Each structure stands twice: as structure tokens, then as C-alpha cells.
Amino acid sequence: MTMRGFAAAATALVGLAGCTTLGDIPTKRVASATLRLANGTPAGEAFITASGERLTLSVAAIGLPAGAHGIHLHTTGSCDAPTFASAGGHLNPAGHQHGTANPAGSHLGDLPNLIANTAGLASLSAPLNGLRSDTESALFDGDGTALVIHAAPDDYKTDPSGNSGTRIACGVIKRD
């Protein structure tokens, strides 16, 4: 199966896995990103879909080290390799702290860890916090947004980054 085929199939399955009724199925693709490793190798695809006022991020990744990886939305739609520092910090338009386990958290860029199997394959589907109009305004502001995968797992509490280590893959989120 090609990377695009894997990504499409994984995204469809992940996107449907969390649905409890037909009304929960995302009805419109809003945005997408092509993920790349620091050496330029393709690392998967991400999609943002909408269902009413809810947005969901679905990710299908390949070529990752086995284990848990922090994954976050970052403030700038730029992925300059090899460090991806050009993506900036976590997307945090409301000025919250980091992490779902942080009593003062969490912010828009916070996402659950992405778990890669021993073959380096990983998938994730997670709702994005907030109303669709507010979230889209933050995602598609003047400098855009990037999706970054980190080397280590997010601890869900350390502000501002979740102690998730170096950035190993990145993709610029583009409106569809």
C-alpha cells in the first residue's frame, strides 16, 4: 500500500472509531498537512474534519521510532528542517498553560500522545477544543499553523511543552 493509501485508510478508520452515531461522523474536510521527517522523508498525513461546530484532527504517520510521541499544533505554519524551530511554540490563543493534567491547562495545541508500533506506524484521532469558528481563526491566522511530532511522549503537565523532546516530524496545515 502506498503512503497516501495507508494515510487515507488509517484516517478514515481513526475518524470513524470515535463516532457513536451517524451524526458524529465528520462531514467536511477542512484542512490537511503532509508530514515530513527532518531529512525530508514523508512521515504521513493529517486531516482536520468538521461535524457541525466540532473539529477533529486525524493523523496517520509512518517512519516513526516505536513508542509514544508528543504531538502538538504549533503557532507558525513553517517546517524548516532539521529542527522545525520555525514552527514556533504551541498554538495557545487563549493563553492557557500546557497539558490536560495541568490544573491550569490546557491549550488548543495540546493533543493526546501519538503511539507508534514497532513498524513505525501510528494513528490518532482527537477532537480540537473550542468552537469551530474560533479554532479555525486560530489555525488559519496570518502566519498559519504547523503540526509537530516530538521524539518523546508528552507528560500532559509540564508548561509550556509537555517535556516532549526534540521535534522529529512536521507538516504545515493548509485549508482545503
C-alpha atoms as a PDB file:
ATOM      1  CA  MET A   1       0.000   0.000   0.000  1.00  0.00           C
ATOM      2  CA  THR A   2       1.306   3.463  -0.828  1.00  0.00           C
ATOM      3  CA  MET A   3       1.791   6.111   1.855  1.00  0.00           C
ATOM      4  CA  ARG A   4      -1.241   8.031   0.552  1.00  0.00           C
ATOM      5  CA  GLY A   5      -3.316   4.854   0.538  1.00  0.00           C
ATOM      6  CA  PHE A   6      -2.227   3.981   4.075  1.00  0.00           C
ATOM      7  CA  ALA A   7      -2.876   7.541   5.248  1.00  0.00           C
ATOM      8  CA  ALA A   8      -6.329   7.674   3.688  1.00  0.00           C
ATOM      9  CA  ALA A   9      -7.366   4.301   5.080  1.00  0.00           C
ATOM     10  CA  ALA A  10      -5.980   4.992   8.543  1.00  0.00           C
ATOM     11  CA  THR A  11      -7.568   8.421   8.657  1.00  0.00           C
ATOM     12  CA  ALA A  12     -10.954   7.045   7.681  1.00  0.00           C
ATOM     13  CA  LEU A  13     -10.798   4.281  10.285  1.00  0.00           C
ATOM     14  CA  VAL A  14      -9.470   6.543  13.036  1.00  0.00           C
ATOM     15  CA  GLY A  15     -12.031   9.204  12.240  1.00  0.00           C
ATOM     16  CA  LEU A  16     -14.896   6.744  12.480  1.00  0.00           C
ATOM     17  CA  ALA A  17     -13.609   4.898  15.552  1.00  0.00           C
ATOM     18  CA  GLY A  18     -14.663   7.631  17.983  1.00  0.00           C
ATOM     19  CA  CYS A  19     -18.114   8.153  16.472  1.00  0.00           C
ATOM     20  CA  THR A  20     -21.091   6.972  18.468  1.00  0.00           C
ATOM     21  CA  THR A  21     -23.818   7.923  15.991  1.00  0.00           C
ATOM     22  CA  LEU A  22     -24.033   8.733  12.302  1.00  0.00           C
ATOM     23  CA  GLY A  23     -24.450  12.381  13.311  1.00  0.00           C
ATOM     24  CA  ASP A  24     -20.944  12.273  14.839  1.00  0.00           C
ATOM     25  CA  ILE A  25     -19.243  11.364  11.551  1.00  0.00           C
ATOM     26  CA  PRO A  26     -17.212  14.319  10.290  1.00  0.00           C
ATOM     27  CA  THR A  27     -18.919  15.655   7.199  1.00  0.00           C
ATOM     28  CA  LYS A  28     -16.387  18.039   5.726  1.00  0.00           C
ATOM     29  CA  ARG A  29     -12.612  18.057   5.351  1.00  0.00           C
ATOM     30  CA  VAL A  30     -11.425  21.498   6.445  1.00  0.00           C
ATOM     31  CA  ALA A  31      -7.630  21.216   6.266  1.00  0.00           C
ATOM     32  CA  SER A  32      -4.725  18.855   5.691  1.00  0.00           C
ATOM     33  CA  ALA A  33      -0.980  18.589   6.209  1.00  0.00           C
ATOM     34  CA  THR A  34       1.742  16.410   4.749  1.00  0.00           C
ATOM     35  CA  LEU A  35       4.173  15.367   7.471  1.00  0.00           C
ATOM     36  CA  ARG A  36       7.898  15.047   6.817  1.00  0.00           C
ATOM     37  CA  LEU A  37      10.849  13.895   8.905  1.00  0.00           C
ATOM     38  CA  ALA A  38      13.877  16.176   9.362  1.00  0.00           C
ATOM     39  CA  ASN A  39      15.644  14.517   6.397  1.00  0.00           C
ATOM     40  CA  GLY A  40      12.659  15.236   4.122  1.00  0.00           C
ATOM     41  CA  THR A  41      11.291  11.687   4.119  1.00  0.00           C
ATOM     42  CA  PRO A  42       7.475  11.546   4.068  1.00  0.00           C
ATOM     43  CA  ALA A  43       6.079  10.788   7.523  1.00  0.00           C
ATOM     44  CA  GLY A  44       2.335  10.698   6.891  1.00  0.00           C
ATOM     45  CA  GLU A  45      -0.741  12.842   6.551  1.00  0.00           C
ATOM     46  CA  ALA A  46      -3.042  14.775   8.861  1.00  0.00           C
ATOM     47  CA  PHE A  47      -6.586  15.959   8.250  1.00  0.00           C
ATOM     48  CA  ILE A  48      -8.937  18.257  10.089  1.00  0.00           C
ATOM     49  CA  THR A  49     -12.597  17.426   9.579  1.00  0.00           C
ATOM     50  CA  ALA A  50     -15.743  19.171  10.745  1.00  0.00           C
ATOM     51  CA  SER A  51     -19.052  17.975  12.089  1.00  0.00           C
ATOM     52  CA  GLY A  52     -21.216  20.954  12.937  1.00  0.00           C
ATOM     53  CA  GLU A  53     -19.291  23.133  15.412  1.00  0.00           C
ATOM     54  CA  ARG A  54     -16.746  20.387  16.219  1.00  0.00           C
ATOM     55  CA  LEU A  55     -13.367  19.909  14.551  1.00  0.00           C
ATOM     56  CA  THR A  56     -11.397  16.667  14.692  1.00  0.00           C
ATOM     57  CA  LEU A  57      -7.729  16.131  13.878  1.00  0.00           C
ATOM     58  CA  SER A  58      -6.840  12.727  12.383  1.00  0.00           C
ATOM     59  CA  VAL A  59      -3.225  11.685  11.838  1.00  0.00           C
ATOM     60  CA  ALA A  60      -1.714   8.687  10.066  1.00  0.00           C
ATOM     61  CA  ALA A  61       2.077   8.604  10.481  1.00  0.00           C
ATOM     62  CA  ILE A  62       4.843   6.331   9.200  1.00  0.00           C
ATOM     63  CA  GLY A  63       8.577   6.026   9.811  1.00  0.00           C
ATOM     64  CA  LEU A  64       8.500   6.964  13.496  1.00  0.00           C
ATOM     65  CA  PRO A  65      10.510   5.319  16.263  1.00  0.00           C
ATOM     66  CA  ALA A  66       8.364   2.859  18.209  1.00  0.00           C
ATOM     67  CA  GLY A  67       6.700   4.290  21.301  1.00  0.00           C
ATOM     68  CA  ALA A  68       4.810   7.362  22.443  1.00  0.00           C
ATOM     69  CA  HIS A  69       5.379  10.788  20.878  1.00  0.00           C
ATOM     70  CA  GLY A  70       4.062  14.186  21.860  1.00  0.00           C
ATOM     71  CA  ILE A  71       2.152  15.810  19.015  1.00  0.00           C
ATOM     72  CA  HIS A  72       1.031  19.427  19.039  1.00  0.00           C
ATOM     73  CA  LEU A  73      -0.370  22.230  16.957  1.00  0.00           C
ATOM     74  CA  HIS A  74       2.278  24.972  16.717  1.00  0.00           C
ATOM     75  CA  THR A  75       1.866  28.724  16.201  1.00  0.00           C
ATOM     76  CA  THR A  76       3.508  29.154  12.803  1.00  0.00           C
ATOM     77  CA  GLY A  77       2.867  27.378   9.517  1.00  0.00           C
ATOM     78  CA  SER A  78       6.536  26.729   8.794  1.00  0.00           C
ATOM     79  CA  CYS A  79       8.538  23.491   8.929  1.00  0.00           C
ATOM     80  CA  ASP A  80      12.190  24.346   8.262  1.00  0.00           C
ATOM     81  CA  ALA A  81      14.264  21.198   8.775  1.00  0.00           C
ATOM     82  CA  PRO A  82      16.153  19.844  10.567  1.00  0.00           C
ATOM     83  CA  THR A  83      14.911  21.319  13.885  1.00  0.00           C
ATOM     84  CA  PHE A  84      11.476  22.617  12.845  1.00  0.00           C
ATOM     85  CA  ALA A  85      12.044  25.538  15.240  1.00  0.00           C
ATOM     86  CA  SER A  86      10.377  27.756  12.622  1.00  0.00           C
ATOM     87  CA  ALA A  87       7.016  26.252  13.726  1.00  0.00           C
ATOM     88  CA  GLY A  88       7.237  28.299  16.946  1.00  0.00           C
ATOM     89  CA  GLY A  89       5.662  27.286  20.247  1.00  0.00           C
ATOM     90  CA  HIS A  90       2.375  25.550  20.888  1.00  0.00           C
ATOM     91  CA  LEU A  91      -0.791  27.097  19.491  1.00  0.00           C
ATOM     92  CA  ASN A  92      -2.278  28.826  22.520  1.00  0.00           C
ATOM     93  CA  PRO A  93      -4.577  31.711  21.513  1.00  0.00           C
ATOM     94  CA  ALA A  94      -6.320  31.864  24.920  1.00  0.00           C
ATOM     95  CA  GLY A  95      -3.050  31.976  26.928  1.00  0.00           C
ATOM     96  CA  HIS A  96      -3.644  28.768  28.910  1.00  0.00           C
ATOM     97  CA  GLN A  97      -0.924  26.590  30.386  1.00  0.00           C
ATOM     98  CA  HIS A  98       0.087  23.274  28.830  1.00  0.00           C
ATOM     99  CA  GLY A  99      -1.400  19.883  29.434  1.00  0.00           C
ATOM    100  CA  THR A 100      -4.628  18.115  30.182  1.00  0.00           C
ATOM    101  CA  ALA A 101      -3.141  17.002  33.561  1.00  0.00           C
ATOM    102  CA  ASN A 102      -2.075  20.566  34.437  1.00  0.00           C
ATOM    103  CA  PRO A 103      -4.633  22.134  36.820  1.00  0.00           C
ATOM    104  CA  ALA A 104      -4.282  25.414  34.887  1.00  0.00           C
ATOM    105  CA  GLY A 105      -4.203  23.769  31.403  1.00  0.00           C
ATOM    106  CA  SER A 106      -4.855  23.032  28.620  1.00  0.00           C
ATOM    107  CA  HIS A 107      -4.432  24.969  25.390  1.00  0.00           C
ATOM    108  CA  LEU A 108      -5.534  24.492  21.783  1.00  0.00           C
ATOM    109  CA  GLY A 109      -2.213  22.930  20.724  1.00  0.00           C
ATOM    110  CA  ASP A 110      -2.470  20.102  23.274  1.00  0.00           C
ATOM    111  CA  LEU A 111      -3.200  16.682  21.810  1.00  0.00           C
ATOM    112  CA  PRO A 112      -3.000  13.090  23.096  1.00  0.00           C
ATOM    113  CA  ASN A 113       0.263  11.230  22.544  1.00  0.00           C
ATOM    114  CA  LEU A 114       0.748   9.518  19.198  1.00  0.00           C
ATOM    115  CA  ILE A 115       1.755   5.865  19.715  1.00  0.00           C
ATOM    116  CA  ALA A 116       3.907   4.252  17.017  1.00  0.00           C
ATOM    117  CA  ASN A 117       4.072   0.467  16.760  1.00  0.00           C
ATOM    118  CA  THR A 118       7.274  -1.480  16.125  1.00  0.00           C
ATOM    119  CA  ALA A 119       6.849  -0.933  12.370  1.00  0.00           C
ATOM    120  CA  GLY A 120       6.797   2.847  12.924  1.00  0.00           C
ATOM    121  CA  LEU A 121       3.095   3.220  12.106  1.00  0.00           C
ATOM    122  CA  ALA A 122       0.810   5.407  14.206  1.00  0.00           C
ATOM    123  CA  SER A 123      -2.675   6.865  14.004  1.00  0.00           C
ATOM    124  CA  LEU A 124      -4.624   9.279  16.124  1.00  0.00           C
ATOM    125  CA  SER A 125      -7.995  10.979  16.090  1.00  0.00           C
ATOM    126  CA  ALA A 126      -8.625  13.782  18.575  1.00  0.00           C
ATOM    127  CA  PRO A 127     -11.238  16.500  18.903  1.00  0.00           C
ATOM    128  CA  LEU A 128      -9.917  20.061  18.871  1.00  0.00           C
ATOM    129  CA  ASN A 129     -11.092  22.168  21.802  1.00  0.00           C
ATOM    130  CA  GLY A 130     -13.326  25.130  21.187  1.00  0.00           C
ATOM    131  CA  LEU A 131     -15.950  26.223  18.727  1.00  0.00           C
ATOM    132  CA  ARG A 132     -15.224  25.688  15.064  1.00  0.00           C
ATOM    133  CA  SER A 133     -15.164  29.396  14.166  1.00  0.00           C
ATOM    134  CA  ASP A 134     -12.709  30.249  16.971  1.00  0.00           C
ATOM    135  CA  THR A 135     -10.486  27.255  16.236  1.00  0.00           C
ATOM    136  CA  GLU A 136     -10.401  27.957  12.500  1.00  0.00           C
ATOM    137  CA  SER A 137      -9.494  31.601  13.214  1.00  0.00           C
ATOM    138  CA  ALA A 138      -6.524  30.418  15.285  1.00  0.00           C
ATOM    139  CA  LEU A 139      -5.461  27.758  12.768  1.00  0.00           C
ATOM    140  CA  PHE A 140      -5.649  29.994   9.715  1.00  0.00           C
ATOM    141  CA  ASP A 141      -4.336  33.277  11.090  1.00  0.00           C
ATOM    142  CA  GLY A 142      -1.794  35.338   9.162  1.00  0.00           C
ATOM    143  CA  ASP A 143       1.173  33.005   9.722  1.00  0.00           C
ATOM    144  CA  GLY A 144      -0.673  29.687   9.717  1.00  0.00           C
ATOM    145  CA  THR A 145      -0.205  26.620  11.897  1.00  0.00           C
ATOM    146  CA  ALA A 146       2.054  23.556  11.872  1.00  0.00           C
ATOM    147  CA  LEU A 147       1.560  20.070  13.284  1.00  0.00           C
ATOM    148  CA  VAL A 148       4.707  18.798  15.017  1.00  0.00           C
ATOM    149  CA  ILE A 149       5.578  15.300  16.238  1.00  0.00           C
ATOM    150  CA  HIS A 150       8.151  15.128  19.043  1.00  0.00           C
ATOM    151  CA  ALA A 151      10.698  12.447  19.956  1.00  0.00           C
ATOM    152  CA  ALA A 152       9.414  11.785  23.490  1.00  0.00           C
ATOM    153  CA  PRO A 153       5.942  11.417  24.999  1.00  0.00           C
ATOM    154  CA  ASP A 154       4.085  14.442  26.320  1.00  0.00           C
ATOM    155  CA  ASP A 155       3.742  14.290  30.128  1.00  0.00           C
ATOM    156  CA  TYR A 156       0.498  16.320  29.872  1.00  0.00           C
ATOM    157  CA  LYS A 157       1.550  18.797  32.587  1.00  0.00           C
ATOM    158  CA  THR A 158       4.936  20.479  32.052  1.00  0.00           C
ATOM    159  CA  ASP A 159       4.410  24.027  30.813  1.00  0.00           C
ATOM    160  CA  PRO A 160       4.943  25.071  28.059  1.00  0.00           C
ATOM    161  CA  SER A 161       5.928  21.964  26.061  1.00  0.00           C
ATOM    162  CA  GLY A 162       4.928  18.808  27.935  1.00  0.00           C
ATOM    163  CA  ASN A 163       8.612  17.823  28.168  1.00  0.00           C
ATOM    164  CA  SER A 164       8.191  16.012  24.846  1.00  0.00           C
ATOM    165  CA  GLY A 165      11.695  16.477  23.483  1.00  0.00           C
ATOM    166  CA  THR A 166      13.013  17.368  20.068  1.00  0.00           C
ATOM    167  CA  ARG A 167      10.842  17.833  17.014  1.00  0.00           C
ATOM    168  CA  ILE A 168      11.132  14.887  14.630  1.00  0.00           C
ATOM    169  CA  ALA A 169       8.375  15.500  12.071  1.00  0.00           C
ATOM    170  CA  CYS A 170       6.391  18.497  10.900  1.00  0.00           C
ATOM    171  CA  GLY A 171       3.656  19.487   8.474  1.00  0.00           C
ATOM    172  CA  VAL A 172       2.073  22.816   7.581  1.00  0.00           C
ATOM    173  CA  ILE A 173      -1.710  22.790   7.968  1.00  0.00           C
ATOM    174  CA  LYS A 174      -3.381  24.109   4.816  1.00  0.00           C
ATOM    175  CA  ARG A 175      -7.033  24.918   4.341  1.00  0.00           C
ATOM    176  CA  ASP A 176      -8.765  22.546   1.893  1.00  0.00           C
END
